[in-house]
Every structure is written in C-alpha cells, then in structure tokens.
Amino acid sequence: MQKVERHLGQALQRGVRGRCPACGKGRLFSSYLKPIAQCTACAEDLTRYQTADFAPYLVTFVIGIVFTPLALALTASGASDLMLPVLLLAAVISALLLLPPMKGAALGLLWAVNETN
C-alpha cells in the first residue's frame, strides 16, 4: 500500500477553498455544510473525518475576538441605539459566511493528521 504524503498547510488551504484536501480538485461540500462522501476527482473517502462542533467553535472564537471589542466601544462611546443591532447583524452574517471555510479547514486538518472517527 502506497503511503500518501499529507501536508498540513496545503490541506488547510484546500479545505478553506472548499476543495478536497487530498487532490485540491474535487468539491468538498454537496451543500452549505454537508461534506461529500467521496471526492469526485480522486475518490478519497471523506466520511472517515468527522469535524463535529470544531468549526462552530472556531467561528465563535473569531467572531468574539472581532466583534466584542467593537460592541464594547460602541456602548462606551454612547453611539446611536441603532448601531448595536447593526453590529450584531454583521456578526451573524460574518459567522454564516465563515462556517463553510472553517469546516473545510477542520476537514483538511483531520485529513492531514489522518485522524479518523
């Protein structure tokens, strides 16, 4: 059996782009957050890698780091009452946009370290 080289950086980059961590050609998701069972380009079995809640934790961490200081600054400065809901809406939209790339990165990480369920 031939051993495949698994480069962490390359797998993470491919996952963020929504591509197969093994070949970088096949799509990683069949819908918003549902990973495909097998890569259409290289036939890599992706069902063995389960990210569970890792991607949402990463997104929550990033959103918290970015938006908490902004919310505190808006509150302390006495900005318009309309600004805080706008900031919260921006945080929700940002979280929804970040989820697929973060899940792809998590799948790429699991593939690179060959961590199966």
PDB file of N, CA and C in Angstrom:
ATOM      1  N   MET A   1       0.838  -1.179   0.000  1.00  0.00           N
ATOM      2  CA  MET A   1       0.000   0.000   0.000  1.00  0.00           C
ATOM      3  C   MET A   1       0.882   1.241   0.000  1.00  0.00           C
ATOM      4  N   GLN A   2       0.617   2.153  -0.902  1.00  0.00           N
ATOM      5  CA  GLN A   2       1.422   3.363  -1.042  1.00  0.00           C
ATOM      6  C   GLN A   2       1.010   4.395   0.000  1.00  0.00           C
ATOM      7  N   LYS A   3       1.996   4.965   0.688  1.00  0.00           N
ATOM      8  CA  LYS A   3       1.714   5.971   1.698  1.00  0.00           C
ATOM      9  C   LYS A   3       1.608   7.341   1.031  1.00  0.00           C
ATOM     10  N   VAL A   4       0.535   8.046   1.306  1.00  0.00           N
ATOM     11  CA  VAL A   4       0.284   9.360   0.726  1.00  0.00           C
ATOM     12  C   VAL A   4       0.876  10.422   1.642  1.00  0.00           C
ATOM     13  N   GLU A   5       1.617  11.376   1.060  1.00  0.00           N
ATOM     14  CA  GLU A   5       2.133  12.492   1.847  1.00  0.00           C
ATOM     15  C   GLU A   5       0.996  13.441   2.153  1.00  0.00           C
ATOM     16  N   ARG A   6       0.895  13.843   3.397  1.00  0.00           N
ATOM     17  CA  ARG A   6      -0.187  14.730   3.822  1.00  0.00           C
ATOM     18  C   ARG A   6       0.421  16.008   4.377  1.00  0.00           C
ATOM     19  N   HIS A   7       0.380  17.064   3.594  1.00  0.00           N
ATOM     20  CA  HIS A   7       0.927  18.357   4.005  1.00  0.00           C
ATOM     21  C   HIS A   7      -0.161  19.175   4.694  1.00  0.00           C
ATOM     22  N   LEU A   8       0.095  19.559   5.930  1.00  0.00           N
ATOM     23  CA  LEU A   8      -0.900  20.253   6.737  1.00  0.00           C
ATOM     24  C   LEU A   8      -1.318  21.582   6.116  1.00  0.00           C
ATOM     25  N   GLY A   9      -0.356  22.414   5.775  1.00  0.00           N
ATOM     26  CA  GLY A   9      -0.676  23.729   5.219  1.00  0.00           C
ATOM     27  C   GLY A   9      -1.481  23.642   3.937  1.00  0.00           C
ATOM     28  N   GLN A  10      -1.075  22.743   3.078  1.00  0.00           N
ATOM     29  CA  GLN A  10      -1.771  22.563   1.805  1.00  0.00           C
ATOM     30  C   GLN A  10      -3.186  22.034   2.032  1.00  0.00           C
ATOM     31  N   ALA A  11      -3.352  21.100   2.955  1.00  0.00           N
ATOM     32  CA  ALA A  11      -4.678  20.545   3.250  1.00  0.00           C
ATOM     33  C   ALA A  11      -5.590  21.613   3.849  1.00  0.00           C
ATOM     34  N   LEU A  12      -5.053  22.453   4.736  1.00  0.00           N
ATOM     35  CA  LEU A  12      -5.845  23.539   5.314  1.00  0.00           C
ATOM     36  C   LEU A  12      -6.279  24.531   4.240  1.00  0.00           C
ATOM     37  N   GLN A  13      -5.348  24.891   3.375  1.00  0.00           N
ATOM     38  CA  GLN A  13      -5.648  25.843   2.298  1.00  0.00           C
ATOM     39  C   GLN A  13      -6.723  25.287   1.362  1.00  0.00           C
ATOM     40  N   ARG A  14      -6.599  24.042   1.001  1.00  0.00           N
ATOM     41  CA  ARG A  14      -7.598  23.421   0.128  1.00  0.00           C
ATOM     42  C   ARG A  14      -8.952  23.348   0.829  1.00  0.00           C
ATOM     43  N   GLY A  15      -8.954  23.028   2.099  1.00  0.00           N
ATOM     44  CA  GLY A  15     -10.202  22.958   2.848  1.00  0.00           C
ATOM     45  C   GLY A  15     -10.896  24.304   2.941  1.00  0.00           C
ATOM     46  N   VAL A  16     -10.135  25.363   3.186  1.00  0.00           N
ATOM     47  CA  VAL A  16     -10.704  26.710   3.246  1.00  0.00           C
ATOM     48  C   VAL A  16     -11.340  27.084   1.911  1.00  0.00           C
ATOM     49  N   ARG A  17     -10.729  26.654   0.823  1.00  0.00           N
ATOM     50  CA  ARG A  17     -11.272  26.944  -0.513  1.00  0.00           C
ATOM     51  C   ARG A  17     -12.440  26.030  -0.879  1.00  0.00           C
ATOM     52  N   GLY A  18     -12.754  25.054  -0.016  1.00  0.00           N
ATOM     53  CA  GLY A  18     -13.866  24.148  -0.283  1.00  0.00           C
ATOM     54  C   GLY A  18     -13.519  23.050  -1.267  1.00  0.00           C
ATOM     55  N   ARG A  19     -12.239  22.685  -1.304  1.00  0.00           N
ATOM     56  CA  ARG A  19     -11.773  21.632  -2.206  1.00  0.00           C
ATOM     57  C   ARG A  19     -11.287  20.434  -1.403  1.00  0.00           C
ATOM     58  N   CYS A  20     -11.214  19.304  -2.068  1.00  0.00           N
ATOM     59  CA  CYS A  20     -10.746  18.069  -1.439  1.00  0.00           C
ATOM     60  C   CYS A  20      -9.338  18.283  -0.877  1.00  0.00           C
ATOM     61  N   PRO A  21      -9.083  17.921   0.385  1.00  0.00           N
ATOM     62  CA  PRO A  21      -7.750  18.106   0.951  1.00  0.00           C
ATOM     63  C   PRO A  21      -6.694  17.207   0.311  1.00  0.00           C
ATOM     64  N   ALA A  22      -7.112  16.119  -0.303  1.00  0.00           N
ATOM     65  CA  ALA A  22      -6.160  15.184  -0.905  1.00  0.00           C
ATOM     66  C   ALA A  22      -5.665  15.668  -2.260  1.00  0.00           C
ATOM     67  N   CYS A  23      -6.583  16.077  -3.134  1.00  0.00           N
ATOM     68  CA  CYS A  23      -6.176  16.433  -4.500  1.00  0.00           C
ATOM     69  C   CYS A  23      -6.353  17.914  -4.817  1.00  0.00           C
ATOM     70  N   GLY A  24      -7.225  18.600  -4.112  1.00  0.00           N
ATOM     71  CA  GLY A  24      -7.465  20.011  -4.369  1.00  0.00           C
ATOM     72  C   GLY A  24      -8.345  20.281  -5.577  1.00  0.00           C
ATOM     73  N   LYS A  25      -8.878  19.241  -6.186  1.00  0.00           N
ATOM     74  CA  LYS A  25      -9.679  19.420  -7.401  1.00  0.00           C
ATOM     75  C   LYS A  25     -11.169  19.238  -7.147  1.00  0.00           C
ATOM     76  N   GLY A  26     -11.548  18.189  -6.448  1.00  0.00           N
ATOM     77  CA  GLY A  26     -12.961  17.903  -6.204  1.00  0.00           C
ATOM     78  C   GLY A  26     -13.566  18.838  -5.168  1.00  0.00           C
ATOM     79  N   ARG A  27     -14.878  19.044  -5.269  1.00  0.00           N
ATOM     80  CA  ARG A  27     -15.587  19.864  -4.290  1.00  0.00           C
ATOM     81  C   ARG A  27     -15.642  19.146  -2.951  1.00  0.00           C
ATOM     82  N   LEU A  28     -15.642  19.926  -1.881  1.00  0.00           N
ATOM     83  CA  LEU A  28     -15.658  19.354  -0.534  1.00  0.00           C
ATOM     84  C   LEU A  28     -17.078  19.235   0.024  1.00  0.00           C
ATOM     85  N   PHE A  29     -17.962  20.129  -0.391  1.00  0.00           N
ATOM     86  CA  PHE A  29     -19.321  20.156   0.149  1.00  0.00           C
ATOM     87  C   PHE A  29     -20.351  19.925  -0.940  1.00  0.00           C
ATOM     88  N   SER A  30     -21.399  19.174  -0.589  1.00  0.00           N
ATOM     89  CA  SER A  30     -22.509  18.980  -1.523  1.00  0.00           C
ATOM     90  C   SER A  30     -23.569  20.054  -1.313  1.00  0.00           C
ATOM     91  N   SER A  31     -23.605  20.645  -0.134  1.00  0.00           N
ATOM     92  CA  SER A  31     -24.485  21.773   0.163  1.00  0.00           C
ATOM     93  C   SER A  31     -23.751  22.674   1.157  1.00  0.00           C
ATOM     94  N   TYR A  32     -24.474  23.552   1.829  1.00  0.00           N
ATOM     95  CA  TYR A  32     -23.857  24.572   2.682  1.00  0.00           C
ATOM     96  C   TYR A  32     -22.783  24.015   3.618  1.00  0.00           C
ATOM     97  N   LEU A  33     -23.109  23.028   4.412  1.00  0.00           N
ATOM     98  CA  LEU A  33     -22.132  22.446   5.346  1.00  0.00           C
ATOM     99  C   LEU A  33     -22.049  20.926   5.273  1.00  0.00           C
ATOM    100  N   LYS A  34     -22.656  20.323   4.290  1.00  0.00           N
ATOM    101  CA  LYS A  34     -22.662  18.857   4.175  1.00  0.00           C
ATOM    102  C   LYS A  34     -21.498  18.405   3.299  1.00  0.00           C
ATOM    103  N   PRO A  35     -20.493  17.753   3.910  1.00  0.00           N
ATOM    104  CA  PRO A  35     -19.368  17.267   3.105  1.00  0.00           C
ATOM    105  C   PRO A  35     -19.787  16.103   2.211  1.00  0.00           C
ATOM    106  N   ILE A  36     -19.137  15.993   1.082  1.00  0.00           N
ATOM    107  CA  ILE A  36     -19.417  14.882   0.177  1.00  0.00           C
ATOM    108  C   ILE A  36     -18.843  13.599   0.780  1.00  0.00           C
ATOM    109  N   ALA A  37     -19.382  12.473   0.377  1.00  0.00           N
ATOM    110  CA  ALA A  37     -18.910  11.190   0.906  1.00  0.00           C
ATOM    111  C   ALA A  37     -17.572  10.801   0.294  1.00  0.00           C
ATOM    112  N   GLN A  38     -17.404  11.083  -0.992  1.00  0.00           N
ATOM    113  CA  GLN A  38     -16.194  10.680  -1.711  1.00  0.00           C
ATOM    114  C   GLN A  38     -15.861  11.750  -2.743  1.00  0.00           C
ATOM    115  N   CYS A  39     -14.584  12.088  -2.849  1.00  0.00           N
ATOM    116  CA  CYS A  39     -14.143  13.086  -3.823  1.00  0.00           C
ATOM    117  C   CYS A  39     -14.423  12.583  -5.238  1.00  0.00           C
ATOM    118  N   THR A  40     -14.979  13.451  -6.065  1.00  0.00           N
ATOM    119  CA  THR A  40     -15.285  13.068  -7.445  1.00  0.00           C
ATOM    120  C   THR A  40     -14.034  13.015  -8.311  1.00  0.00           C
ATOM    121  N   ALA A  41     -12.967  13.685  -7.880  1.00  0.00           N
ATOM    122  CA  ALA A  41     -11.743  13.713  -8.683  1.00  0.00           C
ATOM    123  C   ALA A  41     -10.775  12.585  -8.331  1.00  0.00           C
ATOM    124  N   CYS A  42     -10.583  12.321  -7.024  1.00  0.00           N
ATOM    125  CA  CYS A  42      -9.563  11.338  -6.626  1.00  0.00           C
ATOM    126  C   CYS A  42     -10.131  10.143  -5.859  1.00  0.00           C
ATOM    127  N   ALA A  43     -11.433  10.137  -5.604  1.00  0.00           N
ATOM    128  CA  ALA A  43     -12.121   9.049  -4.900  1.00  0.00           C
ATOM    129  C   ALA A  43     -11.694   8.904  -3.432  1.00  0.00           C
ATOM    130  N   GLU A  44     -11.154   9.954  -2.832  1.00  0.00           N
ATOM    131  CA  GLU A  44     -10.797   9.932  -1.409  1.00  0.00           C
ATOM    132  C   GLU A  44     -12.076   9.810  -0.573  1.00  0.00           C
ATOM    133  N   ASP A  45     -12.078   8.872   0.365  1.00  0.00           N
ATOM    134  CA  ASP A  45     -13.228   8.675   1.247  1.00  0.00           C
ATOM    135  C   ASP A  45     -13.180   9.729   2.350  1.00  0.00           C
ATOM    136  N   LEU A  46     -14.125  10.657   2.336  1.00  0.00           N
ATOM    137  CA  LEU A  46     -14.139  11.743   3.311  1.00  0.00           C
ATOM    138  C   LEU A  46     -15.108  11.494   4.462  1.00  0.00           C
ATOM    139  N   THR A  47     -15.810  10.376   4.437  1.00  0.00           N
ATOM    140  CA  THR A  47     -16.750  10.072   5.522  1.00  0.00           C
ATOM    141  C   THR A  47     -16.023   9.680   6.805  1.00  0.00           C
ATOM    142  N   ARG A  48     -14.766   9.354   6.709  1.00  0.00           N
ATOM    143  CA  ARG A  48     -13.994   8.935   7.888  1.00  0.00           C
ATOM    144  C   ARG A  48     -13.631  10.109   8.789  1.00  0.00           C
ATOM    145  N   TYR A  49     -13.762  11.341   8.298  1.00  0.00           N
ATOM    146  CA  TYR A  49     -13.330  12.526   9.038  1.00  0.00           C
ATOM    147  C   TYR A  49     -14.545  13.312   9.510  1.00  0.00           C
ATOM    148  N   GLN A  50     -14.784  13.298  10.810  1.00  0.00           N
ATOM    149  CA  GLN A  50     -15.935  13.979  11.401  1.00  0.00           C
ATOM    150  C   GLN A  50     -15.457  15.178  12.210  1.00  0.00           C
ATOM    151  N   THR A  51     -15.870  16.367  11.809  1.00  0.00           N
ATOM    152  CA  THR A  51     -15.426  17.583  12.492  1.00  0.00           C
ATOM    153  C   THR A  51     -16.257  17.906  13.722  1.00  0.00           C
ATOM    154  N   ALA A  52     -17.438  17.314  13.844  1.00  0.00           N
ATOM    155  CA  ALA A  52     -18.355  17.563  14.964  1.00  0.00           C
ATOM    156  C   ALA A  52     -18.589  19.069  15.104  1.00  0.00           C
ATOM    157  N   ASP A  53     -18.306  19.633  16.276  1.00  0.00           N
ATOM    158  CA  ASP A  53     -18.568  21.056  16.523  1.00  0.00           C
ATOM    159  C   ASP A  53     -17.311  21.912  16.459  1.00  0.00           C
ATOM    160  N   PHE A  54     -16.244  21.389  15.896  1.00  0.00           N
ATOM    161  CA  PHE A  54     -14.985  22.132  15.871  1.00  0.00           C
ATOM    162  C   PHE A  54     -15.099  23.435  15.079  1.00  0.00           C
ATOM    163  N   ALA A  55     -15.706  23.398  13.901  1.00  0.00           N
ATOM    164  CA  ALA A  55     -15.830  24.600  13.070  1.00  0.00           C
ATOM    165  C   ALA A  55     -16.674  25.680  13.754  1.00  0.00           C
ATOM    166  N   PRO A  56     -17.837  25.360  14.327  1.00  0.00           N
ATOM    167  CA  PRO A  56     -18.585  26.408  15.030  1.00  0.00           C
ATOM    168  C   PRO A  56     -17.822  27.008  16.212  1.00  0.00           C
ATOM    169  N   TYR A  57     -17.033  26.193  16.909  1.00  0.00           N
ATOM    170  CA  TYR A  57     -16.217  26.740  17.994  1.00  0.00           C
ATOM    171  C   TYR A  57     -15.189  27.733  17.451  1.00  0.00           C
ATOM    172  N   LEU A  58     -14.551  27.389  16.350  1.00  0.00           N
ATOM    173  CA  LEU A  58     -13.591  28.310  15.742  1.00  0.00           C
ATOM    174  C   LEU A  58     -14.258  29.608  15.311  1.00  0.00           C
ATOM    175  N   VAL A  59     -15.414  29.488  14.679  1.00  0.00           N
ATOM    176  CA  VAL A  59     -16.136  30.676  14.217  1.00  0.00           C
ATOM    177  C   VAL A  59     -16.545  31.543  15.405  1.00  0.00           C
ATOM    178  N   THR A  60     -17.054  30.934  16.459  1.00  0.00           N
ATOM    179  CA  THR A  60     -17.443  31.685  17.650  1.00  0.00           C
ATOM    180  C   THR A  60     -16.245  32.412  18.241  1.00  0.00           C
ATOM    181  N   PHE A  61     -15.115  31.757  18.273  1.00  0.00           N
ATOM    182  CA  PHE A  61     -13.891  32.370  18.788  1.00  0.00           C
ATOM    183  C   PHE A  61     -13.491  33.588  17.958  1.00  0.00           C
ATOM    184  N   VAL A  62     -13.468  33.436  16.637  1.00  0.00           N
ATOM    185  CA  VAL A  62     -13.068  34.536  15.748  1.00  0.00           C
ATOM    186  C   VAL A  62     -14.064  35.690  15.833  1.00  0.00           C
ATOM    187  N   ILE A  63     -15.346  35.381  15.776  1.00  0.00           N
ATOM    188  CA  ILE A  63     -16.380  36.420  15.845  1.00  0.00           C
ATOM    189  C   ILE A  63     -16.300  37.145  17.187  1.00  0.00           C
ATOM    190  N   GLY A  64     -16.086  36.409  18.255  1.00  0.00           N
ATOM    191  CA  GLY A  64     -15.958  37.025  19.571  1.00  0.00           C
ATOM    192  C   GLY A  64     -14.774  37.966  19.661  1.00  0.00           C
ATOM    193  N   ILE A  65     -13.647  37.560  19.102  1.00  0.00           N
ATOM    194  CA  ILE A  65     -12.454  38.406  19.137  1.00  0.00           C
ATOM    195  C   ILE A  65     -12.659  39.687  18.336  1.00  0.00           C
ATOM    196  N   VAL A  66     -13.345  39.589  17.219  1.00  0.00           N
ATOM    197  CA  VAL A  66     -13.530  40.754  16.349  1.00  0.00           C
ATOM    198  C   VAL A  66     -14.650  41.666  16.848  1.00  0.00           C
ATOM    199  N   PHE A  67     -15.797  41.099  17.185  1.00  0.00           N
ATOM    200  CA  PHE A  67     -16.978  41.921  17.439  1.00  0.00           C
ATOM    201  C   PHE A  67     -17.170  42.342  18.895  1.00  0.00           C
ATOM    202  N   THR A  68     -16.621  41.642  19.858  1.00  0.00           N
ATOM    203  CA  THR A  68     -16.782  42.049  21.253  1.00  0.00           C
ATOM    204  C   THR A  68     -16.147  43.408  21.531  1.00  0.00           C
ATOM    205  N   PRO A  69     -14.903  43.654  21.121  1.00  0.00           N
ATOM    206  CA  PRO A  69     -14.345  44.990  21.348  1.00  0.00           C
ATOM    207  C   PRO A  69     -15.134  46.092  20.630  1.00  0.00           C
ATOM    208  N   LEU A  70     -15.640  45.784  19.438  1.00  0.00           N
ATOM    209  CA  LEU A  70     -16.445  46.776  18.720  1.00  0.00           C
ATOM    210  C   LEU A  70     -17.735  47.090  19.474  1.00  0.00           C
ATOM    211  N   ALA A  71     -18.394  46.058  19.979  1.00  0.00           N
ATOM    212  CA  ALA A  71     -19.633  46.270  20.735  1.00  0.00           C
ATOM    213  C   ALA A  71     -19.362  47.056  22.017  1.00  0.00           C
ATOM    214  N   LEU A  72     -18.282  46.729  22.701  1.00  0.00           N
ATOM    215  CA  LEU A  72     -17.935  47.461  23.919  1.00  0.00           C
ATOM    216  C   LEU A  72     -17.599  48.913  23.613  1.00  0.00           C
ATOM    217  N   ALA A  73     -16.878  49.155  22.534  1.00  0.00           N
ATOM    218  CA  ALA A  73     -16.532  50.525  22.148  1.00  0.00           C
ATOM    219  C   ALA A  73     -17.783  51.318  21.776  1.00  0.00           C
ATOM    220  N   LEU A  74     -18.700  50.694  21.057  1.00  0.00           N
ATOM    221  CA  LEU A  74     -19.949  51.380  20.702  1.00  0.00           C
ATOM    222  C   LEU A  74     -20.767  51.719  21.938  1.00  0.00           C
ATOM    223  N   THR A  75     -20.826  50.796  22.868  1.00  0.00           N
ATOM    224  CA  THR A  75     -21.591  51.027  24.089  1.00  0.00           C
ATOM    225  C   THR A  75     -20.950  52.130  24.927  1.00  0.00           C
ATOM    226  N   ALA A  76     -19.646  52.103  25.055  1.00  0.00           N
ATOM    227  CA  ALA A  76     -18.936  53.090  25.865  1.00  0.00           C
ATOM    228  C   ALA A  76     -18.973  54.479  25.244  1.00  0.00           C
ATOM    229  N   SER A  77     -18.999  54.555  23.931  1.00  0.00           N
ATOM    230  CA  SER A  77     -18.973  55.862  23.266  1.00  0.00           C
ATOM    231  C   SER A  77     -20.351  56.509  23.207  1.00  0.00           C
ATOM    232  N   GLY A  78     -21.383  55.769  23.573  1.00  0.00           N
ATOM    233  CA  GLY A  78     -22.731  56.316  23.528  1.00  0.00           C
ATOM    234  C   GLY A  78     -23.225  56.498  22.104  1.00  0.00           C
ATOM    235  N   ALA A  79     -22.819  55.621  21.232  1.00  0.00           N
ATOM    236  CA  ALA A  79     -23.232  55.701  19.828  1.00  0.00           C
ATOM    237  C   ALA A  79     -24.739  55.486  19.715  1.00  0.00           C
ATOM    238  N   SER A  80     -25.238  55.727  18.548  1.00  0.00           N
ATOM    239  CA  SER A  80     -26.661  55.589  18.266  1.00  0.00           C
ATOM    240  C   SER A  80     -27.176  54.213  18.695  1.00  0.00           C
ATOM    241  N   ASP A  81     -28.414  54.181  19.168  1.00  0.00           N
ATOM    242  CA  ASP A  81     -29.021  52.915  19.585  1.00  0.00           C
ATOM    243  C   ASP A  81     -29.189  51.955  18.422  1.00  0.00           C
ATOM    244  N   LEU A  82     -29.134  52.452  17.220  1.00  0.00           N
ATOM    245  CA  LEU A  82     -29.287  51.610  16.039  1.00  0.00           C
ATOM    246  C   LEU A  82     -27.990  50.870  15.687  1.00  0.00           C
ATOM    247  N   MET A  83     -26.870  51.362  16.174  1.00  0.00           N
ATOM    248  CA  MET A  83     -25.577  50.781  15.793  1.00  0.00           C
ATOM    249  C   MET A  83     -25.354  49.380  16.367  1.00  0.00           C
ATOM    250  N   LEU A  84     -25.798  49.138  17.572  1.00  0.00           N
ATOM    251  CA  LEU A  84     -25.576  47.823  18.185  1.00  0.00           C
ATOM    252  C   LEU A  84     -26.328  46.706  17.451  1.00  0.00           C
ATOM    253  N   PRO A  85     -27.612  46.872  17.108  1.00  0.00           N
ATOM    254  CA  PRO A  85     -28.266  45.824  16.312  1.00  0.00           C
ATOM    255  C   PRO A  85     -27.617  45.626  14.940  1.00  0.00           C
ATOM    256  N   VAL A  86     -27.141  46.699  14.338  1.00  0.00           N
ATOM    257  CA  VAL A  86     -26.447  46.577  13.049  1.00  0.00           C
ATOM    258  C   VAL A  86     -25.164  45.769  13.232  1.00  0.00           C
ATOM    259  N   LEU A  87     -24.445  46.020  14.313  1.00  0.00           N
ATOM    260  CA  LEU A  87     -23.223  45.273  14.601  1.00  0.00           C
ATOM    261  C   LEU A  87     -23.536  43.794  14.857  1.00  0.00           C
ATOM    262  N   LEU A  88     -24.606  43.524  15.567  1.00  0.00           N
ATOM    263  CA  LEU A  88     -24.999  42.133  15.815  1.00  0.00           C
ATOM    264  C   LEU A  88     -25.396  41.426  14.521  1.00  0.00           C
ATOM    265  N   LEU A  89     -26.096  42.128  13.646  1.00  0.00           N
ATOM    266  CA  LEU A  89     -26.448  41.555  12.350  1.00  0.00           C
ATOM    267  C   LEU A  89     -25.184  41.256  11.541  1.00  0.00           C
ATOM    268  N   ALA A  90     -24.223  42.169  11.585  1.00  0.00           N
ATOM    269  CA  ALA A  90     -22.951  41.945  10.886  1.00  0.00           C
ATOM    270  C   ALA A  90     -22.224  40.731  11.464  1.00  0.00           C
ATOM    271  N   ALA A  91     -22.301  40.547  12.776  1.00  0.00           N
ATOM    272  CA  ALA A  91     -21.658  39.389  13.408  1.00  0.00           C
ATOM    273  C   ALA A  91     -22.317  38.086  12.963  1.00  0.00           C
ATOM    274  N   VAL A  92     -23.641  38.070  12.886  1.00  0.00           N
ATOM    275  CA  VAL A  92     -24.356  36.858  12.459  1.00  0.00           C
ATOM    276  C   VAL A  92     -24.033  36.535  11.004  1.00  0.00           C
ATOM    277  N   ILE A  93     -24.062  37.548  10.149  1.00  0.00           N
ATOM    278  CA  ILE A  93     -23.743  37.335   8.730  1.00  0.00           C
ATOM    279  C   ILE A  93     -22.304  36.853   8.577  1.00  0.00           C
ATOM    280  N   SER A  94     -21.389  37.449   9.330  1.00  0.00           N
ATOM    281  CA  SER A  94     -19.986  37.023   9.275  1.00  0.00           C
ATOM    282  C   SER A  94     -19.833  35.572   9.717  1.00  0.00           C
ATOM    283  N   ALA A  95     -20.550  35.193  10.752  1.00  0.00           N
ATOM    284  CA  ALA A  95     -20.481  33.807  11.234  1.00  0.00           C
ATOM    285  C   ALA A  95     -20.983  32.840  10.170  1.00  0.00           C
ATOM    286  N   LEU A  96     -22.088  33.189   9.521  1.00  0.00           N
ATOM    287  CA  LEU A  96     -22.631  32.313   8.480  1.00  0.00           C
ATOM    288  C   LEU A  96     -21.691  32.210   7.282  1.00  0.00           C
ATOM    289  N   LEU A  97     -20.989  33.290   6.977  1.00  0.00           N
ATOM    290  CA  LEU A  97     -20.033  33.257   5.866  1.00  0.00           C
ATOM    291  C   LEU A  97     -18.756  32.500   6.226  1.00  0.00           C
ATOM    292  N   LEU A  98     -18.382  32.521   7.498  1.00  0.00           N
ATOM    293  CA  LEU A  98     -17.152  31.850   7.938  1.00  0.00           C
ATOM    294  C   LEU A  98     -17.311  30.349   8.167  1.00  0.00           C
ATOM    295  N   LEU A  99     -18.530  29.890   8.401  1.00  0.00           N
ATOM    296  CA  LEU A  99     -18.723  28.469   8.731  1.00  0.00           C
ATOM    297  C   LEU A  99     -18.210  27.502   7.667  1.00  0.00           C
ATOM    298  N   PRO A 100     -18.566  27.642   6.384  1.00  0.00           N
ATOM    299  CA  PRO A 100     -18.048  26.676   5.399  1.00  0.00           C
ATOM    300  C   PRO A 100     -16.519  26.655   5.284  1.00  0.00           C
ATOM    301  N   PRO A 101     -15.832  27.819   5.205  1.00  0.00           N
ATOM    302  CA  PRO A 101     -14.367  27.739   5.144  1.00  0.00           C
ATOM    303  C   PRO A 101     -13.738  27.123   6.396  1.00  0.00           C
ATOM    304  N   MET A 102     -14.313  27.417   7.567  1.00  0.00           N
ATOM    305  CA  MET A 102     -13.778  26.843   8.803  1.00  0.00           C
ATOM    306  C   MET A 102     -14.020  25.335   8.860  1.00  0.00           C
ATOM    307  N   LYS A 103     -15.184  24.887   8.403  1.00  0.00           N
ATOM    308  CA  LYS A 103     -15.438  23.444   8.381  1.00  0.00           C
ATOM    309  C   LYS A 103     -14.504  22.772   7.382  1.00  0.00           C
ATOM    310  N   GLY A 104     -14.261  23.428   6.240  1.00  0.00           N
ATOM    311  CA  GLY A 104     -13.312  22.893   5.270  1.00  0.00           C
ATOM    312  C   GLY A 104     -11.911  22.798   5.850  1.00  0.00           C
ATOM    313  N   ALA A 105     -11.510  23.834   6.599  1.00  0.00           N
ATOM    314  CA  ALA A 105     -10.191  23.808   7.240  1.00  0.00           C
ATOM    315  C   ALA A 105     -10.117  22.689   8.273  1.00  0.00           C
ATOM    316  N   ALA A 106     -11.196  22.490   9.025  1.00  0.00           N
ATOM    317  CA  ALA A 106     -11.224  21.409  10.019  1.00  0.00           C
ATOM    318  C   ALA A 106     -11.120  20.046   9.341  1.00  0.00           C
ATOM    319  N   LEU A 107     -11.828  19.870   8.230  1.00  0.00           N
ATOM    320  CA  LEU A 107     -11.723  18.610   7.483  1.00  0.00           C
ATOM    321  C   LEU A 107     -10.310  18.425   6.931  1.00  0.00           C
ATOM    322  N   GLY A 108      -9.726  19.511   6.429  1.00  0.00           N
ATOM    323  CA  GLY A 108      -8.355  19.445   5.927  1.00  0.00           C
ATOM    324  C   GLY A 108      -7.365  19.075   7.022  1.00  0.00           C
ATOM    325  N   LEU A 109      -7.565  19.645   8.209  1.00  0.00           N
ATOM    326  CA  LEU A 109      -6.702  19.324   9.349  1.00  0.00           C
ATOM    327  C   LEU A 109      -6.817  17.847   9.720  1.00  0.00           C
ATOM    328  N   LEU A 110      -8.047  17.358   9.824  1.00  0.00           N
ATOM    329  CA  LEU A 110      -8.242  15.943  10.165  1.00  0.00           C
ATOM    330  C   LEU A 110      -7.653  15.025   9.103  1.00  0.00           C
ATOM    331  N   TRP A 111      -7.799  15.406   7.843  1.00  0.00           N
ATOM    332  CA  TRP A 111      -7.229  14.589   6.766  1.00  0.00           C
ATOM    333  C   TRP A 111      -5.701  14.599   6.854  1.00  0.00           C
ATOM    334  N   ALA A 112      -5.107  15.773   7.102  1.00  0.00           N
ATOM    335  CA  ALA A 112      -3.644  15.890   7.128  1.00  0.00           C
ATOM    336  C   ALA A 112      -3.019  15.071   8.252  1.00  0.00           C
ATOM    337  N   VAL A 113      -3.668  15.048   9.402  1.00  0.00           N
ATOM    338  CA  VAL A 113      -3.116  14.280  10.524  1.00  0.00           C
ATOM    339  C   VAL A 113      -3.682  12.862  10.560  1.00  0.00           C
ATOM    340  N   ASN A 114      -4.527  12.535   9.573  1.00  0.00           N
ATOM    341  CA  ASN A 114      -5.135  11.209   9.414  1.00  0.00           C
ATOM    342  C   ASN A 114      -5.897  10.787  10.669  1.00  0.00           C
ATOM    343  N   GLU A 115      -6.654  11.722  11.219  1.00  0.00           N
ATOM    344  CA  GLU A 115      -7.465  11.474  12.411  1.00  0.00           C
ATOM    345  C   GLU A 115      -8.862  11.051  11.980  1.00  0.00           C
ATOM    346  N   THR A 116      -9.140   9.768  12.088  1.00  0.00           N
ATOM    347  CA  THR A 116     -10.443   9.253  11.669  1.00  0.00           C
ATOM    348  C   THR A 116     -11.307   8.960  12.884  1.00  0.00           C
ATOM    349  N   ASN A 117     -12.618   8.831  12.638  1.00  0.00           N
ATOM    350  CA  ASN A 117     -13.528   8.555  13.761  1.00  0.00           C
ATOM    351  C   ASN A 117     -13.547   7.087  14.106  1.00  0.00           C
TER     352      ASN A 117
END
